[in-house]
Amino acid sequence: MKPVHAPSPPVPSQPVGILLAAGRGSRFDPSGAHNKLLTTLPTGAEAGLPVAFVAARRLRNALPRVIAVIDGDPDLTPAQAAHQRTLRDWLTKAGCEVIASPRARLGMGASLADAVQASLAAAPAVASAPPATAPAAPTGADAKAVAGGTPPPGWVIALADMPMIAPATTQEVAGALLAAGDPLALVAPVYEGQRGHPAGIGAGHLAALLALDGDRGAGGWFKASGFITVETGDAGVLRDIDHPEDLG
């Protein structure tokens, strides 16, 4: 009798989207009373919707799987924790898987690493109602187990305070990443000579992504190694919401 082997998990055919939504937004409101990602857009077809929801929905409209990472710091104030619960609900409504990074206070690099770890686990088969709290990003032995999962062909990294990026632009970045045929490929949109977001990162960077910590993300890699450009007329690739006046 031939031995029966368990089937290998399917390899994802598309990059996984990662939405970084764990920042404190101190430049938007130094007091911390208002979370900029929950601030609503004042004009346009998406007026009245939170910044992060619009960014998440546009990313999810471009990619079949999106993981959003929020702030899971156990020392959040009650007001900050309430903001994160509301943010989680909006991101879930947009179609994202939401994880809470307990290391978010360390900076973007730590949050990104936690989201990449989460992307190695199989996507939920059926969407369910959001839990009372967002699942924490894996740490310690759990993180090592997840890190042994099947990586996608890459990641498309977007920022939750950039709600104006068209889904078609994100699809172009993902398509260029796949077309490169190089696991070490880096892809970014360029608008009028300026590099923007989202960033496409090939699967060959997995170990380096998991090693990120603190506030340094992957942006420096594009300066050091060069990248594949996607020329675009989409000004949204440069437009972020750092201050209240940026909403106008």
C-alpha atoms as a PDB file:
ATOM      1  CA  MET A   1       0.000   0.000   0.000  1.00  0.00           C
ATOM      2  CA  LYS A   2       1.352   3.387  -0.967  1.00  0.00           C
ATOM      3  CA  PRO A   3       1.828   5.824   1.915  1.00  0.00           C
ATOM      4  CA  VAL A   4      -0.763   8.539   2.130  1.00  0.00           C
ATOM      5  CA  HIS A   5       0.663  12.025   2.430  1.00  0.00           C
ATOM      6  CA  ALA A   6      -1.252  14.995   3.694  1.00  0.00           C
ATOM      7  CA  PRO A   7      -1.864  17.476   0.884  1.00  0.00           C
ATOM      8  CA  SER A   8       0.394  20.494   0.861  1.00  0.00           C
ATOM      9  CA  PRO A   9      -1.326  23.782   1.647  1.00  0.00           C
ATOM     10  CA  PRO A  10      -2.123  25.748  -1.495  1.00  0.00           C
ATOM     11  CA  VAL A  11       0.393  28.410  -2.418  1.00  0.00           C
ATOM     12  CA  PRO A  12      -1.312  31.814  -2.691  1.00  0.00           C
ATOM     13  CA  SER A  13      -1.371  33.050  -6.281  1.00  0.00           C
ATOM     14  CA  GLN A  14      -1.584  36.750  -5.429  1.00  0.00           C
ATOM     15  CA  PRO A  15       0.434  38.992  -3.134  1.00  0.00           C
ATOM     16  CA  VAL A  16      -1.109  39.615   0.259  1.00  0.00           C
ATOM     17  CA  GLY A  17      -2.049  43.171   1.056  1.00  0.00           C
ATOM     18  CA  ILE A  18      -0.878  44.577   4.368  1.00  0.00           C
ATOM     19  CA  LEU A  19      -2.457  47.721   5.759  1.00  0.00           C
ATOM     20  CA  LEU A  20      -0.434  49.469   8.441  1.00  0.00           C
ATOM     21  CA  ALA A  21      -2.967  51.000  10.824  1.00  0.00           C
ATOM     22  CA  ALA A  22      -1.139  50.886  14.160  1.00  0.00           C
ATOM     23  CA  GLY A  23       0.308  54.397  14.264  1.00  0.00           C
ATOM     24  CA  ARG A  24      -0.645  56.857  16.992  1.00  0.00           C
ATOM     25  CA  GLY A  25      -1.039  59.838  14.627  1.00  0.00           C
ATOM     26  CA  SER A  26       0.583  62.291  17.031  1.00  0.00           C
ATOM     27  CA  ARG A  27       1.180  64.895  14.318  1.00  0.00           C
ATOM     28  CA  PHE A  28      -2.541  64.961  13.530  1.00  0.00           C
ATOM     29  CA  ASP A  29      -3.556  65.440  17.169  1.00  0.00           C
ATOM     30  CA  PRO A  30      -0.742  65.702  19.728  1.00  0.00           C
ATOM     31  CA  SER A  31      -3.274  65.389  22.558  1.00  0.00           C
ATOM     32  CA  GLY A  32      -4.328  61.928  21.405  1.00  0.00           C
ATOM     33  CA  ALA A  33      -8.003  62.805  21.829  1.00  0.00           C
ATOM     34  CA  HIS A  34      -8.747  62.082  18.176  1.00  0.00           C
ATOM     35  CA  ASN A  35      -7.536  59.159  16.075  1.00  0.00           C
ATOM     36  CA  LYS A  36      -6.826  60.417  12.578  1.00  0.00           C
ATOM     37  CA  LEU A  37      -7.675  57.046  11.041  1.00  0.00           C
ATOM     38  CA  LEU A  38     -11.221  57.399  12.364  1.00  0.00           C
ATOM     39  CA  THR A  39     -11.575  60.959  11.080  1.00  0.00           C
ATOM     40  CA  THR A  40     -14.097  61.102   8.262  1.00  0.00           C
ATOM     41  CA  LEU A  41     -13.383  62.393   4.780  1.00  0.00           C
ATOM     42  CA  PRO A  42     -15.133  65.742   4.251  1.00  0.00           C
ATOM     43  CA  THR A  43     -15.780  65.634   0.507  1.00  0.00           C
ATOM     44  CA  GLY A  44     -16.138  63.335  -2.461  1.00  0.00           C
ATOM     45  CA  ALA A  45     -18.024  60.098  -3.043  1.00  0.00           C
ATOM     46  CA  GLU A  46     -16.659  58.675   0.211  1.00  0.00           C
ATOM     47  CA  ALA A  47     -17.442  61.704   2.370  1.00  0.00           C
ATOM     48  CA  GLY A  48     -18.456  60.757   5.891  1.00  0.00           C
ATOM     49  CA  LEU A  49     -16.432  57.537   5.914  1.00  0.00           C
ATOM     50  CA  PRO A  50     -13.338  57.088   8.113  1.00  0.00           C
ATOM     51  CA  VAL A  51      -9.920  57.514   6.529  1.00  0.00           C
ATOM     52  CA  ALA A  52      -8.811  53.983   7.442  1.00  0.00           C
ATOM     53  CA  PHE A  53     -12.007  52.366   6.171  1.00  0.00           C
ATOM     54  CA  VAL A  54     -11.635  53.997   2.768  1.00  0.00           C
ATOM     55  CA  ALA A  55      -7.955  53.010   2.539  1.00  0.00           C
ATOM     56  CA  ALA A  56      -8.790  49.458   3.602  1.00  0.00           C
ATOM     57  CA  ARG A  57     -11.724  49.045   1.243  1.00  0.00           C
ATOM     58  CA  ARG A  58      -9.726  50.298  -1.721  1.00  0.00           C
ATOM     59  CA  LEU A  59      -6.887  47.907  -0.892  1.00  0.00           C
ATOM     60  CA  ARG A  60      -9.326  45.026  -0.436  1.00  0.00           C
ATOM     61  CA  ASN A  61     -10.981  45.850  -3.769  1.00  0.00           C
ATOM     62  CA  ALA A  62      -7.581  45.373  -5.401  1.00  0.00           C
ATOM     63  CA  LEU A  63      -6.375  42.211  -3.636  1.00  0.00           C
ATOM     64  CA  PRO A  64      -8.121  39.019  -2.497  1.00  0.00           C
ATOM     65  CA  ARG A  65      -6.530  39.010   0.948  1.00  0.00           C
ATOM     66  CA  VAL A  66      -5.635  41.958   3.160  1.00  0.00           C
ATOM     67  CA  ILE A  67      -4.255  41.876   6.691  1.00  0.00           C
ATOM     68  CA  ALA A  68      -4.625  45.078   8.687  1.00  0.00           C
ATOM     69  CA  VAL A  69      -2.499  45.599  11.786  1.00  0.00           C
ATOM     70  CA  ILE A  70      -3.687  47.831  14.616  1.00  0.00           C
ATOM     71  CA  ASP A  71      -2.186  48.870  17.942  1.00  0.00           C
ATOM     72  CA  GLY A  72      -2.317  46.063  20.493  1.00  0.00           C
ATOM     73  CA  ASP A  73      -0.156  47.721  23.133  1.00  0.00           C
ATOM     74  CA  PRO A  74      -1.420  46.398  26.494  1.00  0.00           C
ATOM     75  CA  ASP A  75      -0.724  49.797  28.062  1.00  0.00           C
ATOM     76  CA  LEU A  76      -3.102  51.835  25.913  1.00  0.00           C
ATOM     77  CA  THR A  77      -5.213  54.361  27.755  1.00  0.00           C
ATOM     78  CA  PRO A  78      -8.960  53.595  27.923  1.00  0.00           C
ATOM     79  CA  ALA A  79      -9.589  56.192  25.216  1.00  0.00           C
ATOM     80  CA  GLN A  80      -6.885  54.750  22.956  1.00  0.00           C
ATOM     81  CA  ALA A  81      -8.193  51.224  23.491  1.00  0.00           C
ATOM     82  CA  ALA A  82     -11.683  52.388  22.541  1.00  0.00           C
ATOM     83  CA  HIS A  83     -10.282  53.935  19.358  1.00  0.00           C
ATOM     84  CA  GLN A  84      -8.619  50.627  18.467  1.00  0.00           C
ATOM     85  CA  ARG A  85     -11.848  48.673  19.002  1.00  0.00           C
ATOM     86  CA  THR A  86     -13.693  51.042  16.702  1.00  0.00           C
ATOM     87  CA  LEU A  87     -10.878  50.897  14.169  1.00  0.00           C
ATOM     88  CA  ARG A  88     -10.936  47.107  14.241  1.00  0.00           C
ATOM     89  CA  ASP A  89     -14.657  47.103  13.509  1.00  0.00           C
ATOM     90  CA  TRP A  90     -14.269  49.435  10.533  1.00  0.00           C
ATOM     91  CA  LEU A  91     -11.361  47.458   9.091  1.00  0.00           C
ATOM     92  CA  THR A  92     -13.266  44.208   9.492  1.00  0.00           C
ATOM     93  CA  LYS A  93     -16.233  45.789   7.729  1.00  0.00           C
ATOM     94  CA  ALA A  94     -13.891  46.683   4.864  1.00  0.00           C
ATOM     95  CA  GLY A  95     -13.034  42.999   4.416  1.00  0.00           C
ATOM     96  CA  CYS A  96      -9.665  42.863   6.179  1.00  0.00           C
ATOM     97  CA  GLU A  97      -8.303  40.293   8.573  1.00  0.00           C
ATOM     98  CA  VAL A  98      -7.309  42.349  11.600  1.00  0.00           C
ATOM     99  CA  ILE A  99      -4.480  41.604  14.014  1.00  0.00           C
ATOM    100  CA  ALA A 100      -3.340  43.629  17.003  1.00  0.00           C
ATOM    101  CA  SER A 101       0.403  44.090  17.378  1.00  0.00           C
ATOM    102  CA  PRO A 102       1.533  44.255  21.003  1.00  0.00           C
ATOM    103  CA  ARG A 103       4.786  45.772  19.686  1.00  0.00           C
ATOM    104  CA  ALA A 104       3.125  48.608  17.781  1.00  0.00           C
ATOM    105  CA  ARG A 105       4.521  51.241  20.143  1.00  0.00           C
ATOM    106  CA  LEU A 106       8.015  50.285  18.910  1.00  0.00           C
ATOM    107  CA  GLY A 107       7.208  51.564  15.445  1.00  0.00           C
ATOM    108  CA  MET A 108       6.200  50.689  11.916  1.00  0.00           C
ATOM    109  CA  GLY A 109       8.871  48.025  11.436  1.00  0.00           C
ATOM    110  CA  ALA A 110       7.619  45.963  14.360  1.00  0.00           C
ATOM    111  CA  SER A 111       4.000  46.200  13.197  1.00  0.00           C
ATOM    112  CA  LEU A 112       4.951  45.236   9.649  1.00  0.00           C
ATOM    113  CA  ALA A 113       6.892  42.201  10.851  1.00  0.00           C
ATOM    114  CA  ASP A 114       3.897  41.040  12.884  1.00  0.00           C
ATOM    115  CA  ALA A 115       1.579  41.441   9.901  1.00  0.00           C
ATOM    116  CA  VAL A 116       3.925  39.486   7.633  1.00  0.00           C
ATOM    117  CA  GLN A 117       4.036  36.695  10.205  1.00  0.00           C
ATOM    118  CA  ALA A 118       0.255  36.602  10.220  1.00  0.00           C
ATOM    119  CA  SER A 119       0.177  36.399   6.417  1.00  0.00           C
ATOM    120  CA  LEU A 120       1.931  33.030   6.513  1.00  0.00           C
ATOM    121  CA  ALA A 121      -1.049  31.390   8.177  1.00  0.00           C
ATOM    122  CA  ALA A 122      -3.888  30.186   5.990  1.00  0.00           C
ATOM    123  CA  ALA A 123      -6.579  32.741   5.306  1.00  0.00           C
ATOM    124  CA  PRO A 124      -9.857  32.115   7.132  1.00  0.00           C
ATOM    125  CA  ALA A 125     -12.159  30.040   4.933  1.00  0.00           C
ATOM    126  CA  VAL A 126     -15.275  31.958   5.900  1.00  0.00           C
ATOM    127  CA  ALA A 127     -15.539  35.458   7.265  1.00  0.00           C
ATOM    128  CA  SER A 128     -17.048  35.549  10.721  1.00  0.00           C
ATOM    129  CA  ALA A 129     -18.329  38.243  13.019  1.00  0.00           C
ATOM    130  CA  PRO A 130     -15.512  40.278  14.575  1.00  0.00           C
ATOM    131  CA  PRO A 131     -14.375  38.960  17.957  1.00  0.00           C
ATOM    132  CA  ALA A 132     -14.583  41.034  21.110  1.00  0.00           C
ATOM    133  CA  THR A 133     -10.911  41.865  20.667  1.00  0.00           C
ATOM    134  CA  ALA A 134      -8.684  41.644  17.624  1.00  0.00           C
ATOM    135  CA  PRO A 135      -6.410  38.593  17.638  1.00  0.00           C
ATOM    136  CA  ALA A 136      -2.927  39.391  18.816  1.00  0.00           C
ATOM    137  CA  ALA A 137      -0.009  39.029  16.446  1.00  0.00           C
ATOM    138  CA  PRO A 138       1.905  35.799  17.120  1.00  0.00           C
ATOM    139  CA  THR A 139       4.945  36.075  19.353  1.00  0.00           C
ATOM    140  CA  GLY A 140       7.582  33.713  20.710  1.00  0.00           C
ATOM    141  CA  ALA A 141       6.997  30.052  19.859  1.00  0.00           C
ATOM    142  CA  ASP A 142       3.738  30.901  18.091  1.00  0.00           C
ATOM    143  CA  ALA A 143       5.548  33.320  15.797  1.00  0.00           C
ATOM    144  CA  LYS A 144       8.124  30.666  14.897  1.00  0.00           C
ATOM    145  CA  ALA A 145       5.364  28.228  14.042  1.00  0.00           C
ATOM    146  CA  VAL A 146       3.623  30.761  11.826  1.00  0.00           C
ATOM    147  CA  ALA A 147       6.927  31.688  10.203  1.00  0.00           C
ATOM    148  CA  GLY A 148       7.142  28.104   8.961  1.00  0.00           C
ATOM    149  CA  GLY A 149       3.979  28.572   6.891  1.00  0.00           C
ATOM    150  CA  THR A 150       3.673  28.980   3.150  1.00  0.00           C
ATOM    151  CA  PRO A 151       4.635  32.485   2.052  1.00  0.00           C
ATOM    152  CA  PRO A 152       2.624  34.269  -0.621  1.00  0.00           C
ATOM    153  CA  PRO A 153       4.440  35.423  -3.776  1.00  0.00           C
ATOM    154  CA  GLY A 154       4.926  38.771  -2.104  1.00  0.00           C
ATOM    155  CA  TRP A 155       3.253  41.562  -0.210  1.00  0.00           C
ATOM    156  CA  VAL A 156       1.750  44.903  -1.136  1.00  0.00           C
ATOM    157  CA  ILE A 157       2.254  47.265   1.792  1.00  0.00           C
ATOM    158  CA  ALA A 158      -0.144  50.180   2.173  1.00  0.00           C
ATOM    159  CA  LEU A 159      -0.660  52.862   4.802  1.00  0.00           C
ATOM    160  CA  ALA A 160      -4.032  53.409   6.449  1.00  0.00           C
ATOM    161  CA  ASP A 161      -3.630  57.190   6.302  1.00  0.00           C
ATOM    162  CA  MET A 162      -3.465  57.156   2.484  1.00  0.00           C
ATOM    163  CA  PRO A 163      -7.101  56.730   1.413  1.00  0.00           C
ATOM    164  CA  MET A 164      -6.871  58.184  -2.087  1.00  0.00           C
ATOM    165  CA  ILE A 165      -4.961  55.380  -3.860  1.00  0.00           C
ATOM    166  CA  ALA A 166      -7.074  53.884  -6.640  1.00  0.00           C
ATOM    167  CA  PRO A 167      -7.536  50.089  -6.541  1.00  0.00           C
ATOM    168  CA  ALA A 168      -6.290  49.929 -10.138  1.00  0.00           C
ATOM    169  CA  THR A 169      -2.960  51.416  -9.045  1.00  0.00           C
ATOM    170  CA  THR A 170      -2.557  48.761  -6.371  1.00  0.00           C
ATOM    171  CA  GLN A 171      -3.402  46.075  -8.928  1.00  0.00           C
ATOM    172  CA  GLU A 172      -0.696  47.435 -11.221  1.00  0.00           C
ATOM    173  CA  VAL A 173       1.857  47.205  -8.405  1.00  0.00           C
ATOM    174  CA  ALA A 174       0.795  43.634  -7.621  1.00  0.00           C
ATOM    175  CA  GLY A 175       0.880  42.712 -11.302  1.00  0.00           C
ATOM    176  CA  ALA A 176       4.375  44.130 -11.761  1.00  0.00           C
ATOM    177  CA  LEU A 177       5.560  42.197  -8.712  1.00  0.00           C
ATOM    178  CA  LEU A 178       4.268  38.923 -10.163  1.00  0.00           C
ATOM    179  CA  ALA A 179       5.494  39.695 -13.682  1.00  0.00           C
ATOM    180  CA  ALA A 180       9.022  40.353 -12.425  1.00  0.00           C
ATOM    181  CA  GLY A 181       9.552  36.651 -11.754  1.00  0.00           C
ATOM    182  CA  ASP A 182      12.135  37.608  -9.142  1.00  0.00           C
ATOM    183  CA  PRO A 183      11.537  36.791  -5.468  1.00  0.00           C
ATOM    184  CA  LEU A 184      13.724  39.750  -4.519  1.00  0.00           C
ATOM    185  CA  ALA A 185      11.774  42.228  -6.635  1.00  0.00           C
ATOM    186  CA  LEU A 186      10.716  45.570  -5.192  1.00  0.00           C
ATOM    187  CA  VAL A 187       7.967  47.571  -6.900  1.00  0.00           C
ATOM    188  CA  ALA A 188       6.609  51.060  -6.296  1.00  0.00           C
ATOM    189  CA  PRO A 189       4.371  53.513  -8.138  1.00  0.00           C
ATOM    190  CA  VAL A 190       5.951  56.744  -9.318  1.00  0.00           C
ATOM    191  CA  TYR A 191       3.952  59.932  -9.801  1.00  0.00           C
ATOM    192  CA  GLU A 192       5.682  62.871 -11.489  1.00  0.00           C
ATOM    193  CA  GLY A 193       9.088  61.516 -10.536  1.00  0.00           C
ATOM    194  CA  GLN A 194       8.277  60.796  -6.890  1.00  0.00           C
ATOM    195  CA  ARG A 195       8.081  57.322  -5.393  1.00  0.00           C
ATOM    196  CA  GLY A 196       4.794  56.632  -3.672  1.00  0.00           C
ATOM    197  CA  HIS A 197       2.727  53.883  -2.083  1.00  0.00           C
ATOM    198  CA  PRO A 198       1.793  51.062  -1.951  1.00  0.00           C
ATOM    199  CA  ALA A 199       5.061  49.141  -2.027  1.00  0.00           C
ATOM    200  CA  GLY A 200       5.390  45.691  -3.575  1.00  0.00           C
ATOM    201  CA  ILE A 201       7.889  43.358  -1.907  1.00  0.00           C
ATOM    202  CA  GLY A 202       8.811  39.914  -3.235  1.00  0.00           C
ATOM    203  CA  ALA A 203       8.715  36.713  -1.193  1.00  0.00           C
ATOM    204  CA  GLY A 204      12.506  36.504  -1.139  1.00  0.00           C
ATOM    205  CA  HIS A 205      12.513  39.278   1.458  1.00  0.00           C
ATOM    206  CA  LEU A 206      10.571  37.177   3.972  1.00  0.00           C
ATOM    207  CA  ALA A 207      13.398  36.719   6.486  1.00  0.00           C
ATOM    208  CA  ALA A 208      14.289  40.409   6.364  1.00  0.00           C
ATOM    209  CA  LEU A 209      10.655  41.421   6.846  1.00  0.00           C
ATOM    210  CA  LEU A 210      10.263  39.153   9.857  1.00  0.00           C
ATOM    211  CA  ALA A 211      13.439  40.650  11.341  1.00  0.00           C
ATOM    212  CA  LEU A 212      12.153  44.235  11.182  1.00  0.00           C
ATOM    213  CA  ASP A 213      11.844  45.982  14.507  1.00  0.00           C
ATOM    214  CA  GLY A 214      11.451  49.480  15.842  1.00  0.00           C
ATOM    215  CA  ASP A 215      10.382  52.319  13.571  1.00  0.00           C
ATOM    216  CA  ARG A 216      12.413  51.378  10.499  1.00  0.00           C
ATOM    217  CA  GLY A 217      10.282  49.727   7.864  1.00  0.00           C
ATOM    218  CA  ALA A 218      11.248  48.531   4.414  1.00  0.00           C
ATOM    219  CA  GLY A 219      11.437  51.952   2.760  1.00  0.00           C
ATOM    220  CA  GLY A 220      15.219  52.060   2.893  1.00  0.00           C
ATOM    221  CA  TRP A 221      15.454  48.936   0.774  1.00  0.00           C
ATOM    222  CA  PHE A 222      14.062  50.818  -2.219  1.00  0.00           C
ATOM    223  CA  LYS A 223      16.803  53.434  -1.956  1.00  0.00           C
ATOM    224  CA  ALA A 224      19.570  50.881  -1.462  1.00  0.00           C
ATOM    225  CA  SER A 225      18.573  48.225  -3.993  1.00  0.00           C
ATOM    226  CA  GLY A 226      16.574  50.018  -6.649  1.00  0.00           C
ATOM    227  CA  PHE A 227      13.074  49.007  -7.647  1.00  0.00           C
ATOM    228  CA  ILE A 228      10.695  48.372 -10.519  1.00  0.00           C
ATOM    229  CA  THR A 229       8.702  51.505 -11.247  1.00  0.00           C
ATOM    230  CA  VAL A 230       5.025  51.669 -12.102  1.00  0.00           C
ATOM    231  CA  GLU A 231       4.459  55.060 -13.700  1.00  0.00           C
ATOM    232  CA  THR A 232       1.050  56.360 -12.714  1.00  0.00           C
ATOM    233  CA  GLY A 233      -1.175  59.377 -13.033  1.00  0.00           C
ATOM    234  CA  ASP A 234      -2.682  58.594  -9.637  1.00  0.00           C
ATOM    235  CA  ALA A 235      -1.728  61.456  -7.311  1.00  0.00           C
ATOM    236  CA  GLY A 236      -3.164  59.459  -4.413  1.00  0.00           C
ATOM    237  CA  VAL A 237       0.079  57.482  -4.193  1.00  0.00           C
ATOM    238  CA  LEU A 238       1.656  60.558  -2.569  1.00  0.00           C
ATOM    239  CA  ARG A 239      -1.250  61.935  -0.566  1.00  0.00           C
ATOM    240  CA  ASP A 240      -1.289  61.052   3.123  1.00  0.00           C
ATOM    241  CA  ILE A 241      -3.212  62.485   6.052  1.00  0.00           C
ATOM    242  CA  ASP A 242      -0.679  63.788   8.561  1.00  0.00           C
ATOM    243  CA  HIS A 243      -2.427  66.990   9.660  1.00  0.00           C
ATOM    244  CA  PRO A 244      -6.083  68.097   9.783  1.00  0.00           C
ATOM    245  CA  GLU A 245      -5.551  70.425   6.822  1.00  0.00           C
ATOM    246  CA  ASP A 246      -4.579  67.417   4.677  1.00  0.00           C
ATOM    247  CA  LEU A 247      -8.244  66.384   4.675  1.00  0.00           C
ATOM    248  CA  GLY A 248      -9.217  69.370   2.556  1.00  0.00           C
END
